[in-house]
Protein backbone atom coordinates (compact mmCIF):
# COMPACT_ATOMS: atom_id res chain seq x y z
CA MET A 1 -13.18 18.13 4.33
CA ILE A 2 -11.74 14.95 5.89
CA ASP A 3 -10.95 12.16 3.46
CA PRO A 4 -13.56 9.33 3.76
CA VAL A 5 -10.66 6.87 3.72
CA VAL A 6 -9.33 8.35 6.97
CA LEU A 7 -12.77 8.11 8.58
CA ALA A 8 -12.97 4.45 7.56
CA ILE A 9 -9.76 3.42 9.39
CA PRO A 10 -11.63 1.86 12.36
CA MET A 11 -13.80 -0.11 9.91
CA TYR A 12 -10.69 -1.37 8.11
CA LEU A 13 -9.19 -2.65 11.35
CA LEU A 14 -12.50 -4.23 12.43
CA LEU A 15 -12.92 -6.11 9.14
CA MET A 16 -9.32 -7.34 9.22
CA GLY A 17 -9.94 -8.56 12.74
CA ILE A 18 -13.02 -10.47 11.57
CA GLU A 19 -11.06 -12.00 8.71
CA LEU A 20 -8.37 -13.12 11.16
CA ILE A 21 -11.02 -14.76 13.34
CA VAL A 22 -12.43 -16.58 10.31
CA GLU A 23 -8.89 -17.69 9.46
CA GLN A 24 -8.47 -19.22 12.91
CA PHE A 25 -11.74 -21.14 12.65
CA GLN A 26 -11.10 -22.37 9.11
CA LYS A 27 -7.44 -23.22 9.81
CA THR A 28 -6.25 -21.31 6.74
CA ARG A 29 -3.15 -19.14 6.49
CA HIS A 30 -3.71 -16.08 4.33
CA TYR A 31 -1.98 -13.75 6.81
CA ARG A 32 1.69 -13.57 7.75
CA LEU A 33 2.80 -10.96 10.27
CA ASN A 34 5.79 -9.70 8.27
CA ASP A 35 3.73 -9.39 5.07
CA SER A 36 0.74 -7.77 6.79
CA ILE A 37 2.88 -5.23 8.65
CA THR A 38 4.57 -4.27 5.36
CA ASN A 39 1.17 -3.88 3.70
CA LEU A 40 -0.07 -1.64 6.49
CA SER A 41 3.17 0.36 6.47
CA CYS A 42 2.74 1.12 2.78
CA GLY A 43 -0.80 2.30 3.48
CA ILE A 44 0.21 4.40 6.48
CA GLY A 45 3.02 5.96 4.47
CA GLN A 46 0.68 6.68 1.56
CA GLN A 47 -1.87 8.41 3.78
CA THR A 48 0.77 10.55 5.47
CA VAL A 49 2.71 11.67 2.38
CA LYS A 50 -0.65 12.37 0.72
CA VAL A 51 -0.88 15.32 3.10
CA PHE A 52 1.65 16.97 0.76
CA PHE A 53 1.16 15.15 -2.54
CA GLN A 54 -2.61 15.60 -2.74
CA VAL A 55 -2.23 19.35 -2.39
CA VAL A 56 -0.44 19.42 -5.75
CA THR A 57 -2.86 17.15 -7.61
CA VAL A 58 -6.01 18.76 -6.19
CA ALA A 59 -4.60 22.20 -6.97
CA ALA A 60 -4.00 21.15 -10.60
CA TYR A 61 -7.57 19.83 -10.87
CA ALA A 62 -8.99 23.00 -9.26
CA PHE A 63 -6.98 25.20 -11.65
CA ILE A 64 -8.46 23.42 -14.69
CA TYR A 65 -11.94 23.54 -13.15
CA GLU A 66 -11.77 27.27 -12.39
CA ASN A 67 -10.24 28.34 -15.71
CA PHE A 68 -11.24 25.84 -18.39
CA ALA A 69 -14.47 24.08 -17.33
CA PHE A 70 -17.17 24.07 -20.01
CA PHE A 71 -19.86 24.12 -17.32
CA LYS A 72 -20.11 24.34 -13.52
CA ILE A 73 -22.18 21.40 -12.30
CA GLU A 74 -24.12 21.90 -9.07
CA ASN A 75 -23.49 19.30 -6.35
CA THR A 76 -26.88 17.60 -6.43
CA THR A 77 -27.63 13.96 -5.62
CA PHE A 78 -28.05 13.19 -9.33
CA ALA A 79 -24.71 14.90 -10.10
CA TYR A 80 -22.98 12.74 -7.49
CA ILE A 81 -24.42 9.58 -9.06
CA ILE A 82 -23.24 10.60 -12.54
CA LEU A 83 -19.86 11.59 -11.12
CA PHE A 84 -19.47 8.21 -9.42
CA PHE A 85 -19.84 6.40 -12.76
CA ALA A 86 -17.66 8.95 -14.58
CA TRP A 87 -14.94 8.68 -11.93
CA ASP A 88 -14.99 4.90 -12.15
CA LEU A 89 -14.57 5.03 -15.93
CA CYS A 90 -11.59 7.39 -15.56
CA TYR A 91 -10.24 5.11 -12.84
CA TYR A 92 -10.44 2.12 -15.19
CA TRP A 93 -8.20 3.82 -17.76
CA ALA A 94 -5.81 5.21 -15.13
CA HIS A 95 -5.53 1.76 -13.58
CA ARG A 96 -5.16 0.00 -16.91
CA MET A 97 -2.39 2.34 -18.06
CA SER A 98 -0.67 1.84 -14.71
CA HIS A 99 -0.23 -1.78 -15.79
CA GLU A 100 0.49 -1.24 -19.48
CA ILE A 101 3.03 1.60 -19.29
CA ASN A 102 6.32 0.64 -17.66
CA LEU A 103 6.97 4.04 -16.05
CA PHE A 104 3.45 4.17 -14.62
CA TRP A 105 3.84 0.60 -13.36
CA SER A 106 6.62 1.97 -11.13
CA GLY A 107 3.95 3.88 -9.25
CA HIS A 108 1.42 1.04 -9.02
CA GLN A 109 3.41 -2.18 -8.64
CA VAL A 110 3.67 -1.72 -4.86
CA HIS A 111 0.00 -2.68 -4.54
CA HIS A 112 0.69 -6.02 -6.29
CA GLN A 113 3.87 -7.04 -4.46
CA SER A 114 2.27 -9.02 -1.65
CA GLU A 115 2.30 -12.77 -2.20
CA GLU A 116 -0.76 -13.13 0.02
CA TYR A 117 -4.33 -12.00 -0.63
CA ASN A 118 -6.23 -10.59 2.31
CA LEU A 119 -7.78 -7.33 3.47
CA SER A 120 -4.42 -5.89 4.52
CA VAL A 121 -3.35 -6.02 0.85
CA ALA A 122 -6.03 -3.41 0.08
CA LEU A 123 -4.06 -0.96 2.23
CA ARG A 124 -0.77 -1.63 0.42
CA GLN A 125 -0.99 1.58 -1.60
CA SER A 126 1.73 3.35 -3.58
CA TRP A 127 3.04 6.69 -2.38
CA PHE A 128 3.79 7.98 -5.90
CA GLN A 129 0.98 6.59 -8.05
CA ILE A 130 -1.01 9.78 -7.63
CA PHE A 131 1.46 11.58 -9.91
CA PHE A 132 1.06 9.00 -12.71
CA THR A 133 -2.74 8.84 -12.64
CA SER A 134 -4.14 12.21 -11.52
CA PHE A 135 -4.30 13.65 -15.05
CA PHE A 136 -6.64 10.86 -16.17
CA PHE A 137 -9.32 12.61 -14.10
CA TRP A 138 -8.83 16.09 -15.60
CA PRO A 139 -11.70 15.55 -18.10
CA LEU A 140 -14.01 15.64 -15.08
CA ALA A 141 -12.71 19.16 -14.36
CA LEU A 142 -13.37 20.21 -17.95
CA ILE A 143 -16.93 18.86 -17.72
CA GLY A 144 -17.40 20.92 -14.57
CA PHE A 145 -17.47 18.59 -11.57
CA ASP A 146 -16.59 20.42 -8.37
CA PRO A 147 -13.18 19.49 -6.81
CA THR A 148 -14.68 18.79 -3.36
CA ALA A 149 -17.22 16.42 -4.93
CA VAL A 150 -14.45 14.65 -6.84
CA VAL A 151 -12.32 14.16 -3.70
CA PHE A 152 -15.35 12.73 -1.89
CA VAL A 153 -16.34 10.36 -4.72
CA ALA A 154 -12.72 9.23 -5.11
CA GLY A 155 -12.68 8.27 -1.43
CA ILE A 156 -15.95 6.33 -1.72
CA ASN A 157 -14.64 4.50 -4.79
CA LEU A 158 -11.50 3.51 -2.87
CA LEU A 159 -13.58 2.39 0.11
CA TYR A 160 -15.54 0.03 -2.13
CA GLN A 161 -12.34 -1.62 -3.30
CA PHE A 162 -11.29 -2.57 0.25
CA TRP A 163 -13.64 -5.52 0.81
CA ILE A 164 -12.86 -7.25 -2.50
CA HIS A 165 -9.35 -8.12 -1.28
CA THR A 166 -10.34 -11.42 0.33
CA GLU A 167 -10.30 -15.13 -0.41
CA TYR A 168 -13.19 -15.87 1.95
CA ILE A 169 -15.92 -14.71 -0.46
CA GLY A 170 -16.57 -16.84 -3.54
CA ARG A 171 -18.69 -16.10 -6.59
CA MET A 172 -21.57 -13.68 -6.00
CA GLY A 173 -24.17 -14.73 -8.55
CA PHE A 174 -25.66 -12.06 -10.82
CA LEU A 175 -23.44 -9.35 -9.26
CA GLU A 176 -20.49 -10.89 -11.11
CA TRP A 177 -21.90 -9.48 -14.36
CA PHE A 178 -21.61 -5.79 -13.53
CA MET A 179 -19.85 -5.27 -10.18
CA ASN A 180 -16.21 -5.76 -9.28
CA THR A 181 -16.15 -8.66 -6.82
CA PRO A 182 -13.53 -10.57 -4.81
CA SER A 183 -13.46 -13.23 -7.54
CA HIS A 184 -12.77 -10.67 -10.27
CA HIS A 185 -10.14 -8.87 -8.22
CA ARG A 186 -8.33 -12.06 -7.25
CA VAL A 187 -7.72 -12.48 -10.97
CA HIS A 188 -6.32 -8.97 -11.15
CA HIS A 189 -3.76 -9.76 -8.43
CA GLY A 190 -2.68 -13.03 -10.00
CA ARG A 191 0.76 -13.31 -11.61
CA ASN A 192 -0.34 -16.24 -13.77
CA PRO A 193 0.16 -15.20 -17.43
CA LYS A 194 -3.57 -15.58 -18.24
CA TYR A 195 -4.46 -13.24 -15.35
CA ILE A 196 -1.91 -10.46 -15.93
CA ASP A 197 -3.37 -7.08 -16.98
CA LYS A 198 -6.97 -8.23 -16.53
CA ASN A 199 -9.94 -6.87 -14.52
CA HIS A 200 -8.84 -3.27 -13.96
CA ALA A 201 -12.25 -2.18 -12.67
CA GLY A 202 -12.69 -0.11 -9.54
CA THR A 203 -16.37 -0.59 -8.77
CA PHE A 204 -17.99 -1.72 -12.05
CA ILE A 205 -16.60 -4.68 -14.00
CA ILE A 206 -18.61 -3.48 -17.02
CA TRP A 207 -15.63 -1.44 -18.20
CA ASP A 208 -13.45 -4.56 -18.51
CA ARG A 209 -16.23 -6.36 -20.36
CA MET A 210 -16.64 -3.38 -22.71
CA PHE A 211 -12.93 -2.82 -23.43
CA GLY A 212 -11.73 -6.43 -23.67
CA THR A 213 -9.75 -6.84 -20.44
CA PHE A 214 -12.12 -9.15 -18.58
CA GLN A 215 -10.96 -12.56 -17.33
CA LYS A 216 -13.06 -14.97 -15.30
CA GLU A 217 -11.45 -16.61 -12.26
CA GLU A 218 -10.58 -20.20 -13.09
CA GLU A 219 -7.69 -21.82 -11.20
CA ARG A 220 -6.70 -20.15 -7.93
CA PRO A 221 -4.17 -17.38 -8.69
CA VAL A 222 -0.56 -17.19 -7.60
CA TYR A 223 -0.22 -13.72 -6.10
CA GLY A 224 2.59 -11.21 -6.41
CA ILE A 225 4.66 -9.68 -9.22
CA THR A 226 6.94 -11.39 -11.71
CA ASN A 227 10.01 -9.67 -10.19
CA PRO A 228 9.49 -10.16 -6.43
CA VAL A 229 10.99 -7.44 -4.24
CA ASN A 230 11.95 -9.89 -1.45
CA THR A 231 12.06 -7.30 1.31
CA TRP A 232 9.92 -6.06 4.20
CA ASN A 233 11.25 -2.51 3.83
CA PRO A 234 8.20 -0.29 3.03
CA VAL A 235 10.36 2.50 1.62
CA TRP A 236 12.50 0.37 -0.67
CA VAL A 237 9.48 -1.40 -2.18
CA HIS A 238 8.48 1.97 -3.67
CA PHE A 239 11.81 2.47 -5.42
CA SER A 240 12.62 -1.08 -6.54
CA HIS A 241 11.00 -0.82 -9.98
CA PHE A 242 12.61 2.56 -10.63
CA GLN A 243 15.94 0.77 -10.13
CA ILE A 244 14.88 -1.92 -12.60
CA ILE A 245 13.96 0.74 -15.17
CA GLY A 246 17.31 2.45 -14.59
CA LYS A 247 19.15 -0.76 -15.42
CA GLN A 248 16.96 -1.30 -18.49
CA LEU A 249 17.68 2.22 -19.76
CA LYS A 250 21.41 1.71 -19.25
CA GLN A 251 21.40 -1.60 -21.16
CA THR A 252 19.08 -0.52 -23.99
CA PRO A 253 20.73 1.15 -27.01
CA GLY A 254 19.24 4.14 -28.83
CA PHE A 255 17.17 7.11 -27.62
CA LEU A 256 13.95 5.86 -29.22
CA ASN A 257 14.33 2.44 -27.63
CA LYS A 258 14.91 4.08 -24.25
CA LEU A 259 11.63 5.96 -24.64
CA LYS A 260 9.92 2.68 -25.47
CA VAL A 261 11.35 1.16 -22.28
CA LEU A 262 9.60 3.94 -20.36
CA PHE A 263 6.27 4.02 -22.18
CA TYR A 264 5.73 0.53 -23.57
CA LYS A 265 4.56 -2.42 -21.52
CA PRO A 266 6.73 -3.76 -18.69
CA GLY A 267 8.96 -6.44 -20.18
CA TRP A 268 9.42 -4.72 -23.54
CA ARG A 269 12.86 -5.11 -25.12
CA PRO A 270 14.10 -4.29 -28.62
CA GLU A 271 14.42 -7.26 -30.96
CA SER A 272 18.20 -7.04 -30.68
CA MET A 273 17.83 -7.85 -26.97
CA GLY A 274 15.38 -10.70 -27.42
CA GLY A 275 12.11 -8.83 -27.87
CA MET A 276 9.18 -8.77 -25.45
CA GLN A 277 9.81 -10.66 -22.20
CA TYR A 278 6.55 -12.35 -21.20
CA ALA A 279 5.66 -13.53 -17.72
CA PRO A 280 6.61 -17.19 -17.13
CA GLU A 281 4.08 -19.83 -16.18
CA VAL A 282 3.82 -20.35 -12.44
CA SER A 283 2.27 -23.03 -10.25
CA ARG A 284 1.05 -22.80 -6.66
CA ASP A 285 2.60 -26.21 -5.99
CA SER A 286 6.13 -25.17 -6.99
CA TYR A 287 6.17 -21.46 -6.11
CA THR A 288 8.02 -20.47 -2.92
CA LYS A 289 7.01 -17.24 -1.23
CA PHE A 290 9.57 -14.85 0.21
CA ASP A 291 9.69 -15.26 3.98
CA THR A 292 11.98 -14.72 6.95
CA LYS A 293 11.66 -16.64 10.21
CA THR A 294 11.73 -14.62 13.40
CA PRO A 295 10.99 -15.68 16.97
CA GLY A 296 8.07 -14.59 19.10
CA VAL A 297 10.23 -12.10 21.01
CA ILE A 298 10.59 -10.10 17.77
CA ASN A 299 7.09 -10.68 16.41
CA TRP A 300 5.30 -9.63 19.60
CA TYR A 301 7.57 -6.61 20.02
CA VAL A 302 6.88 -5.45 16.47
CA LEU A 303 3.15 -5.98 16.91
CA PHE A 304 3.08 -4.01 20.19
CA GLN A 305 5.10 -1.08 18.87
CA TYR A 306 3.17 -1.10 15.63
CA LEU A 307 -0.12 -0.62 17.47
CA VAL A 308 1.45 2.42 19.14
CA THR A 309 2.53 3.72 15.73
CA VAL A 310 -0.92 3.16 14.23
CA ALA A 311 -2.53 5.07 17.11
CA GLY A 312 -0.14 7.98 16.69
CA THR A 313 -0.55 8.03 12.93
CA ALA A 314 -4.35 7.95 13.22
CA TYR A 315 -4.19 10.99 15.51
CA PHE A 316 -1.95 12.76 13.01
CA MET A 317 -4.20 12.04 10.03
CA PHE A 318 -7.38 13.10 11.84
CA ASN A 319 -5.77 16.41 12.86
CA ALA A 320 -3.48 17.14 9.89
CA GLU A 321 -5.84 19.74 8.40
CA LYS A 322 -5.48 21.90 11.53
CA MET A 323 -1.68 21.62 11.68
CA SER A 324 0.94 23.98 10.31
CA TRP A 325 3.10 22.79 7.42
CA MET A 326 6.02 22.42 9.81
CA LEU A 327 4.01 20.12 12.09
CA LYS A 328 2.81 18.16 9.08
CA GLY A 329 6.40 17.69 7.99
CA ILE A 330 7.39 16.48 11.45
CA GLY A 331 4.43 14.09 11.51
CA VAL A 332 5.28 12.59 8.13
CA THR A 333 8.98 12.22 9.05
CA LEU A 334 8.26 10.49 12.37
CA THR A 335 5.74 8.18 10.71
CA ILE A 336 8.10 7.10 7.94
CA PHE A 337 10.87 6.50 10.50
CA SER A 338 8.52 4.41 12.64
CA ILE A 339 7.36 2.13 9.81
CA LEU A 340 10.94 1.41 8.73
CA THR A 341 12.21 -0.45 11.78
CA PRO A 342 9.80 -3.44 11.71
CA GLY A 343 11.25 -4.44 8.34
CA TYR A 344 14.79 -4.24 9.71
CA LEU A 345 13.82 -6.51 12.60
CA PHE A 346 11.99 -9.00 10.36
CA GLU A 347 15.01 -9.17 8.03
CA ARG A 348 17.29 -9.73 11.04
CA HIS A 349 19.69 -6.87 10.31
CA LYS A 350 22.31 -6.78 13.05
CA TRP A 351 21.90 -3.01 13.43
CA ALA A 352 18.08 -3.22 13.76
CA VAL A 353 18.11 -2.98 17.57
CA PRO A 354 20.28 0.20 17.76
CA ILE A 355 18.15 1.81 15.04
CA GLU A 356 14.97 0.96 16.95
CA LEU A 357 16.37 2.46 20.16
CA ILE A 358 17.32 5.63 18.30
CA ARG A 359 13.81 5.77 16.81
CA LEU A 360 12.18 5.47 20.22
CA ILE A 361 14.32 8.26 21.65
CA ILE A 362 13.85 10.62 18.70
CA VAL A 363 10.09 10.05 18.38
CA SER A 364 9.51 10.30 22.14
CA GLY A 365 11.72 13.36 22.49
CA THR A 366 10.01 15.15 19.60
CA ILE A 367 6.53 14.45 20.98
CA MET A 368 7.56 15.67 24.44
CA PHE A 369 8.97 18.87 22.91
CA LEU A 370 5.75 19.48 20.97
CA VAL A 371 3.51 19.08 24.04
CA TYR A 372 5.87 20.88 26.47
CA ASN A 373 3.64 23.95 26.66
CA SER A 374 0.48 21.91 27.33
CA PRO A 375 0.53 21.17 31.09
CA GLN A 376 -2.58 18.97 30.95
CA TRP A 377 -0.90 16.65 28.43
CA PHE A 378 2.82 16.94 29.13
CA LEU A 379 3.01 14.88 32.34
CA PRO A 380 0.81 11.90 31.31
CA ILE A 381 2.37 11.74 27.82
CA THR A 382 5.88 11.92 29.29
CA ILE A 383 5.11 9.10 31.74
CA GLY A 384 3.60 6.99 28.95
CA LEU A 385 6.53 7.53 26.60
CA GLY A 386 9.04 6.88 29.37
CA ALA A 387 7.34 3.62 30.29
CA ASN A 388 7.28 2.60 26.65
CA ILE A 389 11.01 3.24 26.27
CA LEU A 390 11.79 1.29 29.45
CA ILE A 391 9.70 -1.71 28.40
CA ALA A 392 11.11 -1.54 24.87
CA ALA A 393 14.70 -1.43 26.16
CA LEU A 394 14.18 -4.61 28.19
CA TRP A 395 12.44 -6.27 25.24
CA LEU A 396 15.13 -5.19 22.78
CA ASN A 397 17.79 -6.62 25.07
CA LYS A 398 16.23 -10.06 24.61
CA ILE A 399 16.01 -9.49 20.88
CA GLN A 400 19.69 -8.55 20.79
CA GLN A 401 20.52 -11.76 22.63
CA TRP A 402 18.71 -13.70 19.90
CA PHE A 403 20.65 -11.81 17.22
CA ASN A 404 23.88 -12.67 19.03
CA SER A 405 22.90 -16.35 19.07
CA ILE A 406 22.43 -16.21 15.30
CA GLU A 407 25.94 -14.87 14.91
CA GLU A 408 27.26 -17.72 17.05
CA HIS A 409 25.29 -20.55 15.44
CA LYS A 410 24.94 -19.13 11.90
CA ASP A 411 21.67 -21.06 11.63
CA PRO A 412 18.55 -19.36 13.03
CA GLN A 413 16.49 -22.46 12.18
CA GLN A 414 18.19 -24.29 15.07
CA GLU A 415 16.97 -21.75 17.58
CA GLU A 416 13.77 -22.62 19.37
CA SER A 417 11.31 -19.93 18.46
CA LYS A 418 7.64 -19.35 18.39
CA THR A 419 6.25 -17.29 15.51
CA ILE A 420 2.85 -15.68 15.20
CA THR A 421 1.03 -15.24 11.90
CA ALA A 422 -0.56 -11.88 12.56
C-alpha cells in the first residue's frame, strides 16, 4: 500500500505555490530560498530513508500484533474512526516525550530548526525520529489494530498537520477549542520561553488541554531552536544535537548524571554545573536569523536543479515498492547526494562547484547504466541528461567566477547580486 503522504506530494507543492502567491500580494517575507530548500531536503531525505527504516518499525508492530494482541479488530469504518483518535493520543505522548527527553529531542529537533514558519516547514521531518517514537504506538498492536490500518491512519494524521504550518490563517473560532490549528501550532514552534514544550497535539488540541500543556497564542512567536544549527546542510542538521549530547556527556561527571543528561529534559545539568539551563527570553526586534547572501546565478541554478531532483525523487518514491533492495539503496544514495550540494552552494564553500559537477556525472551515469537495457528510454534519457550536464557546466562556470571574485575582494556584499526569496 502506497503511503498517503507520497500520494499527497502534488498537493503539498500546489499549496506551497498558493502560499507564495499570497506572499507576493501581501508583500510579506515568510519564505527564503535557502531555508525552504533545506526544509524540503530534510523531507525528501526522510521519505527516502523511510524506505528502509519503516520496514523495521512496521515489522516490530506486526510482530506484536501477530503474537501478543488481545483481540483482532476488523477494519470497519467505525474501527478506523476509533483508531484515528487512539493514534492521535499516542502521537501526543510520543511528540511530548520527543520534547521532554533530551535523547529523543535529538530525533525531533530537526523539525523545529527553521527560523521561518511556512508550509515548507511541515516537510522538514527528521530521518531518525521514527526510532524514538515508534514504540509509543505498540499499545495499538496489543489492542488489535491491523498494521495496514495503522500505517494508513498515521499518514492521514500527518497530512492533517501540513496545513497548520502557516502564518496566513489566524484564529478559527470554535475550532480552536478542540482542533489543532495554525494558531496553536505557531505556539508549538516558538522558542519564546512561554511557548516551549506547549501544544504537542497532532490533530486534536484536546489532549494538551487535558494534560496541561496547552498555551494560547499571544505575542507572535520567534521561531527556531535555542541552539541554532546555522547551516543549510540537510545531513548535518540531523546530527548536530547528537554532537551536543556527546559534549554534555563528556563534561558531566558520574554515570547517573550521564543517564540524566540522556533522559531528562534538554538543558538539564547537575547542580554542580549550574543546574537546569532554561531558554533565554527572545525578542523579534533583536533576534537575527541565520542567513547567507548568494547571487541570482546561484539561486536560480539551485532552484532549477532542485526541481530536477524533486522529479527524480518523486518517481523513486512512487515506484520504490516494486524495486529490488539494491535499486532502493541506489535511489536513496543518489537522493541524499543530490540534496547535499545546494547547501554547499548556499554556504559558499569553495569546493561546492567541483562537488556539484561530480554529482551530476555520477547521478547521470548511474541513471544511464540502469536504463541501458531499455531502448525506448535510453536514448531520450541520455539526451536529457547530457543537455542538463552541458547547461549546468556553463552555469557552474559563472558561479565559479563569482566564487573567485569573493576570494579577490573578501567581501561578497560588495558584489552586485540579485537574490530570489523562493
